[in-house]
Amino acid sequence: MPLTADRKKTLRTVGHNLKPVVTVAGKGLTEGVLEELERALEDHELIKVKLVVADRDLRREVIGELCEKSGAELVQEIGKIALIYRAAEKPSARLSNLLR
């Protein structure tokens, strides 16, 4: 189910002060990056991903592939930072960026 405009606005507000927890660099979406992405989304639900990819079109493709493989939704993309969200099956009040 796609995020509504109001929900995206709320998530952008929460995500404003977050630091990137996953970095996608020259090797692209490796198995290790996908595992770390999966862990971060399950723990935090809302995360920032830094993309060290110079080409804008390639960066958008990587973000699309990243969201597709993880089942997450893109909330916002600014420059080389993407804010993505996926609801956790069992959110932890201690780790979730949305429950704190």
PDB file of N, CA and C in Angstrom:
ATOM      1  N   MET A   1       0.842  -1.184   0.000  1.00  0.00           N
ATOM      2  CA  MET A   1       0.000   0.000   0.000  1.00  0.00           C
ATOM      3  C   MET A   1       0.884   1.243   0.000  1.00  0.00           C
ATOM      4  N   PRO A   2       0.716   2.110  -0.985  1.00  0.00           N
ATOM      5  CA  PRO A   2       1.547   3.318  -1.061  1.00  0.00           C
ATOM      6  C   PRO A   2       1.290   4.257   0.117  1.00  0.00           C
ATOM      7  N   LEU A   3       2.323   5.004   0.456  1.00  0.00           N
ATOM      8  CA  LEU A   3       2.209   5.972   1.545  1.00  0.00           C
ATOM      9  C   LEU A   3       1.409   7.185   1.082  1.00  0.00           C
ATOM     10  N   THR A   4       0.585   7.712   1.967  1.00  0.00           N
ATOM     11  CA  THR A   4      -0.173   8.924   1.653  1.00  0.00           C
ATOM     12  C   THR A   4       0.747  10.129   1.787  1.00  0.00           C
ATOM     13  N   ALA A   5       0.323  11.250   1.247  1.00  0.00           N
ATOM     14  CA  ALA A   5       1.114  12.472   1.319  1.00  0.00           C
ATOM     15  C   ALA A   5       1.313  12.909   2.776  1.00  0.00           C
ATOM     16  N   ASP A   6       0.275  12.773   3.597  1.00  0.00           N
ATOM     17  CA  ASP A   6       0.393  13.155   5.009  1.00  0.00           C
ATOM     18  C   ASP A   6       1.362  12.248   5.755  1.00  0.00           C
ATOM     19  N   ARG A   7       1.318  10.954   5.443  1.00  0.00           N
ATOM     20  CA  ARG A   7       2.231   9.994   6.096  1.00  0.00           C
ATOM     21  C   ARG A   7       3.674  10.279   5.677  1.00  0.00           C
ATOM     22  N   LYS A   8       3.888  10.584   4.398  1.00  0.00           N
ATOM     23  CA  LYS A   8       5.232  10.924   3.930  1.00  0.00           C
ATOM     24  C   LYS A   8       5.747  12.184   4.622  1.00  0.00           C
ATOM     25  N   LYS A   9       4.875  13.154   4.805  1.00  0.00           N
ATOM     26  CA  LYS A   9       5.280  14.394   5.481  1.00  0.00           C
ATOM     27  C   LYS A   9       5.718  14.106   6.907  1.00  0.00           C
ATOM     28  N   THR A  10       4.971  13.261   7.603  1.00  0.00           N
ATOM     29  CA  THR A  10       5.315  12.874   8.969  1.00  0.00           C
ATOM     30  C   THR A  10       6.650  12.133   8.999  1.00  0.00           C
ATOM     31  N   LEU A  11       6.849  11.220   8.064  1.00  0.00           N
ATOM     32  CA  LEU A  11       8.094  10.461   8.011  1.00  0.00           C
ATOM     33  C   LEU A  11       9.279  11.358   7.668  1.00  0.00           C
ATOM     34  N   ARG A  12       9.085  12.330   6.790  1.00  0.00           N
ATOM     35  CA  ARG A  12      10.170  13.274   6.468  1.00  0.00           C
ATOM     36  C   ARG A  12      10.554  14.087   7.692  1.00  0.00           C
ATOM     37  N   THR A  13       9.573  14.471   8.486  1.00  0.00           N
ATOM     38  CA  THR A  13       9.841  15.226   9.712  1.00  0.00           C
ATOM     39  C   THR A  13      10.680  14.401  10.673  1.00  0.00           C
ATOM     40  N   VAL A  14      10.322  13.148  10.868  1.00  0.00           N
ATOM     41  CA  VAL A  14      11.083  12.255  11.753  1.00  0.00           C
ATOM     42  C   VAL A  14      12.474  12.001  11.180  1.00  0.00           C
ATOM     43  N   GLY A  15      12.562  11.822   9.872  1.00  0.00           N
ATOM     44  CA  GLY A  15      13.821  11.481   9.228  1.00  0.00           C
ATOM     45  C   GLY A  15      14.798  12.626   9.087  1.00  0.00           C
ATOM     46  N   HIS A  16      14.347  13.845   9.314  1.00  0.00           N
ATOM     47  CA  HIS A  16      15.201  15.016   9.123  1.00  0.00           C
ATOM     48  C   HIS A  16      16.511  14.931   9.906  1.00  0.00           C
ATOM     49  N   ASN A  17      16.454  14.514  11.156  1.00  0.00           N
ATOM     50  CA  ASN A  17      17.647  14.490  12.006  1.00  0.00           C
ATOM     51  C   ASN A  17      18.394  13.160  11.992  1.00  0.00           C
ATOM     52  N   LEU A  18      17.955  12.195  11.196  1.00  0.00           N
ATOM     53  CA  LEU A  18      18.629  10.897  11.141  1.00  0.00           C
ATOM     54  C   LEU A  18      19.916  10.986  10.332  1.00  0.00           C
ATOM     55  N   LYS A  19      20.850  10.132  10.671  1.00  0.00           N
ATOM     56  CA  LYS A  19      22.099   9.990   9.925  1.00  0.00           C
ATOM     57  C   LYS A  19      21.994   8.736   9.060  1.00  0.00           C
ATOM     58  N   PRO A  20      22.671   8.708   7.900  1.00  0.00           N
ATOM     59  CA  PRO A  20      22.646   7.498   7.065  1.00  0.00           C
ATOM     60  C   PRO A  20      23.229   6.297   7.811  1.00  0.00           C
ATOM     61  N   VAL A  21      22.541   5.161   7.736  1.00  0.00           N
ATOM     62  CA  VAL A  21      23.010   3.947   8.410  1.00  0.00           C
ATOM     63  C   VAL A  21      23.495   2.894   7.418  1.00  0.00           C
ATOM     64  N   VAL A  22      23.183   3.082   6.140  1.00  0.00           N
ATOM     65  CA  VAL A  22      23.638   2.167   5.095  1.00  0.00           C
ATOM     66  C   VAL A  22      24.238   3.010   3.978  1.00  0.00           C
ATOM     67  N   THR A  23      25.374   2.546   3.439  1.00  0.00           N
ATOM     68  CA  THR A  23      26.022   3.241   2.330  1.00  0.00           C
ATOM     69  C   THR A  23      26.161   2.290   1.146  1.00  0.00           C
ATOM     70  N   VAL A  24      25.721   2.748  -0.010  1.00  0.00           N
ATOM     71  CA  VAL A  24      25.876   1.988  -1.247  1.00  0.00           C
ATOM     72  C   VAL A  24      26.977   2.692  -2.035  1.00  0.00           C
ATOM     73  N   ALA A  25      28.089   2.000  -2.252  1.00  0.00           N
ATOM     74  CA  ALA A  25      29.239   2.605  -2.919  1.00  0.00           C
ATOM     75  C   ALA A  25      29.463   1.986  -4.295  1.00  0.00           C
ATOM     76  N   GLY A  26      30.703   2.003  -4.744  1.00  0.00           N
ATOM     77  CA  GLY A  26      31.074   1.600  -6.095  1.00  0.00           C
ATOM     78  C   GLY A  26      30.669   0.202  -6.503  1.00  0.00           C
ATOM     79  N   LYS A  27      30.619  -0.739  -5.584  1.00  0.00           N
ATOM     80  CA  LYS A  27      30.275  -2.120  -5.934  1.00  0.00           C
ATOM     81  C   LYS A  27      28.769  -2.332  -6.055  1.00  0.00           C
ATOM     82  N   GLY A  28      27.971  -1.323  -5.732  1.00  0.00           N
ATOM     83  CA  GLY A  28      26.522  -1.415  -5.882  1.00  0.00           C
ATOM     84  C   GLY A  28      25.855  -2.204  -4.768  1.00  0.00           C
ATOM     85  N   LEU A  29      24.755  -2.842  -5.106  1.00  0.00           N
ATOM     86  CA  LEU A  29      23.962  -3.581  -4.124  1.00  0.00           C
ATOM     87  C   LEU A  29      24.512  -4.994  -3.953  1.00  0.00           C
ATOM     88  N   THR A  30      25.530  -5.119  -3.147  1.00  0.00           N
ATOM     89  CA  THR A  30      26.112  -6.430  -2.866  1.00  0.00           C
ATOM     90  C   THR A  30      25.261  -7.161  -1.843  1.00  0.00           C
ATOM     91  N   GLU A  31      25.568  -8.429  -1.643  1.00  0.00           N
ATOM     92  CA  GLU A  31      24.836  -9.236  -0.662  1.00  0.00           C
ATOM     93  C   GLU A  31      24.965  -8.633   0.736  1.00  0.00           C
ATOM     94  N   GLY A  32      26.164  -8.148   1.071  1.00  0.00           N
ATOM     95  CA  GLY A  32      26.395  -7.539   2.382  1.00  0.00           C
ATOM     96  C   GLY A  32      25.577  -6.276   2.596  1.00  0.00           C
ATOM     97  N   VAL A  33      25.471  -5.458   1.551  1.00  0.00           N
ATOM     98  CA  VAL A  33      24.673  -4.226   1.640  1.00  0.00           C
ATOM     99  C   VAL A  33      23.201  -4.574   1.841  1.00  0.00           C
ATOM    100  N   LEU A  34      22.714  -5.559   1.105  1.00  0.00           N
ATOM    101  CA  LEU A  34      21.311  -5.957   1.236  1.00  0.00           C
ATOM    102  C   LEU A  34      21.011  -6.546   2.610  1.00  0.00           C
ATOM    103  N   GLU A  35      21.953  -7.310   3.175  1.00  0.00           N
ATOM    104  CA  GLU A  35      21.767  -7.856   4.521  1.00  0.00           C
ATOM    105  C   GLU A  35      21.719  -6.740   5.553  1.00  0.00           C
ATOM    106  N   GLU A  36      22.616  -5.781   5.432  1.00  0.00           N
ATOM    107  CA  GLU A  36      22.645  -4.660   6.372  1.00  0.00           C
ATOM    108  C   GLU A  36      21.386  -3.808   6.227  1.00  0.00           C
ATOM    109  N   LEU A  37      20.928  -3.618   5.006  1.00  0.00           N
ATOM    110  CA  LEU A  37      19.691  -2.881   4.756  1.00  0.00           C
ATOM    111  C   LEU A  37      18.507  -3.575   5.422  1.00  0.00           C
ATOM    112  N   GLU A  38      18.446  -4.886   5.269  1.00  0.00           N
ATOM    113  CA  GLU A  38      17.366  -5.686   5.865  1.00  0.00           C
ATOM    114  C   GLU A  38      17.367  -5.541   7.390  1.00  0.00           C
ATOM    115  N   ARG A  39      18.555  -5.663   7.999  1.00  0.00           N
ATOM    116  CA  ARG A  39      18.676  -5.531   9.453  1.00  0.00           C
ATOM    117  C   ARG A  39      18.271  -4.130   9.907  1.00  0.00           C
ATOM    118  N   ALA A  40      18.744  -3.109   9.204  1.00  0.00           N
ATOM    119  CA  ALA A  40      18.444  -1.729   9.582  1.00  0.00           C
ATOM    120  C   ALA A  40      16.952  -1.427   9.471  1.00  0.00           C
ATOM    121  N   LEU A  41      16.313  -1.897   8.411  1.00  0.00           N
ATOM    122  CA  LEU A  41      14.870  -1.660   8.256  1.00  0.00           C
ATOM    123  C   LEU A  41      14.072  -2.390   9.324  1.00  0.00           C
ATOM    124  N   GLU A  42      14.475  -3.609   9.665  1.00  0.00           N
ATOM    125  CA  GLU A  42      13.757  -4.365  10.695  1.00  0.00           C
ATOM    126  C   GLU A  42      13.924  -3.706  12.060  1.00  0.00           C
ATOM    127  N   ASP A  43      15.100  -3.166  12.329  1.00  0.00           N
ATOM    128  CA  ASP A  43      15.351  -2.517  13.623  1.00  0.00           C
ATOM    129  C   ASP A  43      14.735  -1.119  13.706  1.00  0.00           C
ATOM    130  N   HIS A  44      14.949  -0.309  12.668  1.00  0.00           N
ATOM    131  CA  HIS A  44      14.627   1.119  12.748  1.00  0.00           C
ATOM    132  C   HIS A  44      13.391   1.549  11.963  1.00  0.00           C
ATOM    133  N   GLU A  45      12.940   0.772  11.012  1.00  0.00           N
ATOM    134  CA  GLU A  45      11.787   1.049  10.150  1.00  0.00           C
ATOM    135  C   GLU A  45      12.010   2.207   9.179  1.00  0.00           C
ATOM    136  N   LEU A  46      12.535   3.318   9.646  1.00  0.00           N
ATOM    137  CA  LEU A  46      12.782   4.491   8.810  1.00  0.00           C
ATOM    138  C   LEU A  46      14.282   4.759   8.840  1.00  0.00           C
ATOM    139  N   ILE A  47      14.928   4.694   7.666  1.00  0.00           N
ATOM    140  CA  ILE A  47      16.382   4.882   7.632  1.00  0.00           C
ATOM    141  C   ILE A  47      16.785   5.764   6.457  1.00  0.00           C
ATOM    142  N   LYS A  48      17.981   6.325   6.586  1.00  0.00           N
ATOM    143  CA  LYS A  48      18.595   7.049   5.485  1.00  0.00           C
ATOM    144  C   LYS A  48      19.670   6.161   4.881  1.00  0.00           C
ATOM    145  N   VAL A  49      19.747   6.195   3.557  1.00  0.00           N
ATOM    146  CA  VAL A  49      20.754   5.438   2.815  1.00  0.00           C
ATOM    147  C   VAL A  49      21.568   6.436   2.004  1.00  0.00           C
ATOM    148  N   LYS A  50      22.888   6.354   2.146  1.00  0.00           N
ATOM    149  CA  LYS A  50      23.780   7.221   1.376  1.00  0.00           C
ATOM    150  C   LYS A  50      24.229   6.468   0.137  1.00  0.00           C
ATOM    151  N   LEU A  51      24.114   7.124  -1.022  1.00  0.00           N
ATOM    152  CA  LEU A  51      24.494   6.505  -2.293  1.00  0.00           C
ATOM    153  C   LEU A  51      25.691   7.248  -2.865  1.00  0.00           C
ATOM    154  N   VAL A  52      26.831   6.590  -2.909  1.00  0.00           N
ATOM    155  CA  VAL A  52      28.039   7.188  -3.457  1.00  0.00           C
ATOM    156  C   VAL A  52      28.097   6.802  -4.940  1.00  0.00           C
ATOM    157  N   VAL A  53      27.152   7.348  -5.685  1.00  0.00           N
ATOM    158  CA  VAL A  53      27.027   7.098  -7.122  1.00  0.00           C
ATOM    159  C   VAL A  53      26.929   8.467  -7.785  1.00  0.00           C
ATOM    160  N   ALA A  54      27.848   8.757  -8.702  1.00  0.00           N
ATOM    161  CA  ALA A  54      27.923  10.091  -9.289  1.00  0.00           C
ATOM    162  C   ALA A  54      26.779  10.393 -10.255  1.00  0.00           C
ATOM    163  N   ASP A  55      26.409   9.431 -11.081  1.00  0.00           N
ATOM    164  CA  ASP A  55      25.393   9.648 -12.105  1.00  0.00           C
ATOM    165  C   ASP A  55      23.987   9.654 -11.500  1.00  0.00           C
ATOM    166  N   ARG A  56      23.247  10.710 -11.749  1.00  0.00           N
ATOM    167  CA  ARG A  56      21.907  10.882 -11.173  1.00  0.00           C
ATOM    168  C   ARG A  56      20.933   9.792 -11.611  1.00  0.00           C
ATOM    169  N   ASP A  57      20.946   9.462 -12.904  1.00  0.00           N
ATOM    170  CA  ASP A  57      20.033   8.431 -13.406  1.00  0.00           C
ATOM    171  C   ASP A  57      20.362   7.065 -12.821  1.00  0.00           C
ATOM    172  N   LEU A  58      21.638   6.743 -12.729  1.00  0.00           N
ATOM    173  CA  LEU A  58      22.064   5.478 -12.137  1.00  0.00           C
ATOM    174  C   LEU A  58      21.685   5.430 -10.658  1.00  0.00           C
ATOM    175  N   ARG A  59      21.797   6.565  -9.978  1.00  0.00           N
ATOM    176  CA  ARG A  59      21.429   6.640  -8.560  1.00  0.00           C
ATOM    177  C   ARG A  59      19.941   6.340  -8.387  1.00  0.00           C
ATOM    178  N   ARG A  60      19.118   6.872  -9.256  1.00  0.00           N
ATOM    179  CA  ARG A  60      17.668   6.603  -9.183  1.00  0.00           C
ATOM    180  C   ARG A  60      17.364   5.135  -9.439  1.00  0.00           C
ATOM    181  N   GLU A  61      18.099   4.531 -10.371  1.00  0.00           N
ATOM    182  CA  GLU A  61      17.922   3.102 -10.637  1.00  0.00           C
ATOM    183  C   GLU A  61      18.292   2.265  -9.419  1.00  0.00           C
ATOM    184  N   VAL A  62      19.394   2.629  -8.769  1.00  0.00           N
ATOM    185  CA  VAL A  62      19.846   1.901  -7.579  1.00  0.00           C
ATOM    186  C   VAL A  62      18.823   2.048  -6.457  1.00  0.00           C
ATOM    187  N   ILE A  63      18.275   3.228  -6.280  1.00  0.00           N
ATOM    188  CA  ILE A  63      17.252   3.443  -5.250  1.00  0.00           C
ATOM    189  C   ILE A  63      16.021   2.596  -5.554  1.00  0.00           C
ATOM    190  N   GLY A  64      15.596   2.562  -6.799  1.00  0.00           N
ATOM    191  CA  GLY A  64      14.444   1.748  -7.182  1.00  0.00           C
ATOM    192  C   GLY A  64      14.686   0.274  -6.924  1.00  0.00           C
ATOM    193  N   GLU A  65      15.866  -0.205  -7.285  1.00  0.00           N
ATOM    194  CA  GLU A  65      16.216  -1.614  -7.067  1.00  0.00           C
ATOM    195  C   GLU A  65      16.302  -1.914  -5.576  1.00  0.00           C
ATOM    196  N   LEU A  66      16.866  -0.985  -4.831  1.00  0.00           N
ATOM    197  CA  LEU A  66      17.008  -1.136  -3.382  1.00  0.00           C
ATOM    198  C   LEU A  66      15.632  -1.266  -2.726  1.00  0.00           C
ATOM    199  N   CYS A  67      14.703  -0.403  -3.099  1.00  0.00           N
ATOM    200  CA  CYS A  67      13.348  -0.453  -2.542  1.00  0.00           C
ATOM    201  C   CYS A  67      12.621  -1.728  -2.972  1.00  0.00           C
ATOM    202  N   GLU A  68      12.810  -2.125  -4.214  1.00  0.00           N
ATOM    203  CA  GLU A  68      12.142  -3.332  -4.718  1.00  0.00           C
ATOM    204  C   GLU A  68      12.631  -4.580  -3.985  1.00  0.00           C
ATOM    205  N   LYS A  69      13.942  -4.711  -3.823  1.00  0.00           N
ATOM    206  CA  LYS A  69      14.499  -5.902  -3.182  1.00  0.00           C
ATOM    207  C   LYS A  69      14.201  -5.971  -1.691  1.00  0.00           C
ATOM    208  N   SER A  70      14.054  -4.806  -1.051  1.00  0.00           N
ATOM    209  CA  SER A  70      13.826  -4.795   0.396  1.00  0.00           C
ATOM    210  C   SER A  70      12.339  -4.700   0.755  1.00  0.00           C
ATOM    211  N   GLY A  71      11.503  -4.361  -0.204  1.00  0.00           N
ATOM    212  CA  GLY A  71      10.083  -4.188   0.079  1.00  0.00           C
ATOM    213  C   GLY A  71       9.787  -2.872   0.783  1.00  0.00           C
ATOM    214  N   ALA A  72      10.714  -1.938   0.682  1.00  0.00           N
ATOM    215  CA  ALA A  72      10.560  -0.633   1.340  1.00  0.00           C
ATOM    216  C   ALA A  72      10.000   0.385   0.350  1.00  0.00           C
ATOM    217  N   GLU A  73       9.585   1.526   0.892  1.00  0.00           N
ATOM    218  CA  GLU A  73       9.078   2.608   0.055  1.00  0.00           C
ATOM    219  C   GLU A  73       9.964   3.819   0.197  1.00  0.00           C
ATOM    220  N   LEU A  74      10.202   4.487  -0.917  1.00  0.00           N
ATOM    221  CA  LEU A  74      10.982   5.711  -0.909  1.00  0.00           C
ATOM    222  C   LEU A  74      10.110   6.837  -0.364  1.00  0.00           C
ATOM    223  N   VAL A  75      10.599   7.500   0.669  1.00  0.00           N
ATOM    224  CA  VAL A  75       9.876   8.626   1.255  1.00  0.00           C
ATOM    225  C   VAL A  75      10.376   9.918   0.628  1.00  0.00           C
ATOM    226  N   GLN A  76      11.714  10.025   0.514  1.00  0.00           N
ATOM    227  CA  GLN A  76      12.304  11.252   0.002  1.00  0.00           C
ATOM    228  C   GLN A  76      13.700  10.956  -0.538  1.00  0.00           C
ATOM    229  N   GLU A  77      14.059  11.684  -1.577  1.00  0.00           N
ATOM    230  CA  GLU A  77      15.407  11.589  -2.137  1.00  0.00           C
ATOM    231  C   GLU A  77      15.939  13.002  -2.303  1.00  0.00           C
ATOM    232  N   ILE A  78      17.037  13.288  -1.618  1.00  0.00           N
ATOM    233  CA  ILE A  78      17.676  14.592  -1.750  1.00  0.00           C
ATOM    234  C   ILE A  78      19.155  14.348  -2.019  1.00  0.00           C
ATOM    235  N   GLY A  79      19.599  14.736  -3.199  1.00  0.00           N
ATOM    236  CA  GLY A  79      21.000  14.540  -3.558  1.00  0.00           C
ATOM    237  C   GLY A  79      21.364  13.072  -3.524  1.00  0.00           C
ATOM    238  N   LYS A  80      22.363  12.735  -2.702  1.00  0.00           N
ATOM    239  CA  LYS A  80      22.846  11.358  -2.620  1.00  0.00           C
ATOM    240  C   LYS A  80      22.304  10.626  -1.401  1.00  0.00           C
ATOM    241  N   ILE A  81      21.257  11.167  -0.787  1.00  0.00           N
ATOM    242  CA  ILE A  81      20.645  10.555   0.398  1.00  0.00           C
ATOM    243  C   ILE A  81      19.198  10.181   0.087  1.00  0.00           C
ATOM    244  N   ALA A  82      18.840   8.936   0.406  1.00  0.00           N
ATOM    245  CA  ALA A  82      17.456   8.476   0.233  1.00  0.00           C
ATOM    246  C   ALA A  82      16.897   8.113   1.606  1.00  0.00           C
ATOM    247  N   LEU A  83      15.690   8.536   1.884  1.00  0.00           N
ATOM    248  CA  LEU A  83      14.981   8.192   3.112  1.00  0.00           C
ATOM    249  C   LEU A  83      13.966   7.126   2.736  1.00  0.00           C
ATOM    250  N   ILE A  84      14.109   5.932   3.337  1.00  0.00           N
ATOM    251  CA  ILE A  84      13.202   4.841   2.996  1.00  0.00           C
ATOM    252  C   ILE A  84      12.520   4.299   4.247  1.00  0.00           C
ATOM    253  N   TYR A  85      11.339   3.722   4.038  1.00  0.00           N
ATOM    254  CA  TYR A  85      10.513   3.231   5.146  1.00  0.00           C
ATOM    255  C   TYR A  85       9.960   1.854   4.813  1.00  0.00           C
ATOM    256  N   ARG A  86       9.973   1.003   5.821  1.00  0.00           N
ATOM    257  CA  ARG A  86       9.277  -0.276   5.760  1.00  0.00           C
ATOM    258  C   ARG A  86       8.852  -0.622   7.188  1.00  0.00           C
ATOM    259  N   ALA A  87       7.587  -0.889   7.378  1.00  0.00           N
ATOM    260  CA  ALA A  87       7.082  -1.228   8.710  1.00  0.00           C
ATOM    261  C   ALA A  87       7.687  -2.555   9.165  1.00  0.00           C
ATOM    262  N   ALA A  88       8.125  -2.607  10.416  1.00  0.00           N
ATOM    263  CA  ALA A  88       8.708  -3.821  10.980  1.00  0.00           C
ATOM    264  C   ALA A  88       7.591  -4.765  11.416  1.00  0.00           C
ATOM    265  N   GLU A  89       7.866  -6.061  11.343  1.00  0.00           N
ATOM    266  CA  GLU A  89       6.879  -7.039  11.790  1.00  0.00           C
ATOM    267  C   GLU A  89       6.674  -6.943  13.302  1.00  0.00           C
ATOM    268  N   LYS A  90       7.784  -6.813  14.044  1.00  0.00           N
ATOM    269  CA  LYS A  90       7.735  -6.663  15.498  1.00  0.00           C
ATOM    270  C   LYS A  90       8.584  -5.466  15.882  1.00  0.00           C
ATOM    271  N   PRO A  91       8.016  -4.244  15.819  1.00  0.00           N
ATOM    272  CA  PRO A  91       8.818  -3.060  16.117  1.00  0.00           C
ATOM    273  C   PRO A  91       9.292  -3.035  17.568  1.00  0.00           C
ATOM    274  N   SER A  92      10.532  -2.639  17.742  1.00  0.00           N
ATOM    275  CA  SER A  92      11.126  -2.517  19.065  1.00  0.00           C
ATOM    276  C   SER A  92      11.077  -1.051  19.483  1.00  0.00           C
ATOM    277  N   ALA A  93      10.468  -0.770  20.604  1.00  0.00           N
ATOM    278  CA  ALA A  93      10.365   0.615  21.080  1.00  0.00           C
ATOM    279  C   ALA A  93      11.749   1.209  21.353  1.00  0.00           C
ATOM    280  N   ARG A  94      12.703   0.358  21.634  1.00  0.00           N
ATOM    281  CA  ARG A  94      14.053   0.825  21.940  1.00  0.00           C
ATOM    282  C   ARG A  94      14.827   1.216  20.665  1.00  0.00           C
ATOM    283  N   LEU A  95      14.560   0.527  19.553  1.00  0.00           N
ATOM    284  CA  LEU A  95      15.326   0.738  18.329  1.00  0.00           C
ATOM    285  C   LEU A  95      14.598   1.534  17.249  1.00  0.00           C
ATOM    286  N   SER A  96      13.286   1.445  17.189  1.00  0.00           N
ATOM    287  CA  SER A  96      12.521   2.060  16.116  1.00  0.00           C
ATOM    288  C   SER A  96      12.647   3.581  16.146  1.00  0.00           C
ATOM    289  N   ASN A  97      12.857   4.167  14.985  1.00  0.00           N
ATOM    290  CA  ASN A  97      12.921   5.632  14.880  1.00  0.00           C
ATOM    291  C   ASN A  97      11.528   6.243  14.982  1.00  0.00           C
ATOM    292  N   LEU A  98      10.496   5.452  14.826  1.00  0.00           N
ATOM    293  CA  LEU A  98       9.135   5.975  14.847  1.00  0.00           C
ATOM    294  C   LEU A  98       8.483   5.884  16.230  1.00  0.00           C
ATOM    295  N   LEU A  99       8.967   5.010  17.074  1.00  0.00           N
ATOM    296  CA  LEU A  99       8.352   4.805  18.396  1.00  0.00           C
ATOM    297  C   LEU A  99       9.064   5.566  19.510  1.00  0.00           C
ATOM    298  N   ARG A 100      10.175   6.185  19.212  1.00  0.00           N
ATOM    299  CA  ARG A 100      10.906   6.922  20.241  1.00  0.00           C
ATOM    300  C   ARG A 100      10.312   8.264  20.482  1.00  0.00           C
TER     301      ARG A 100
END
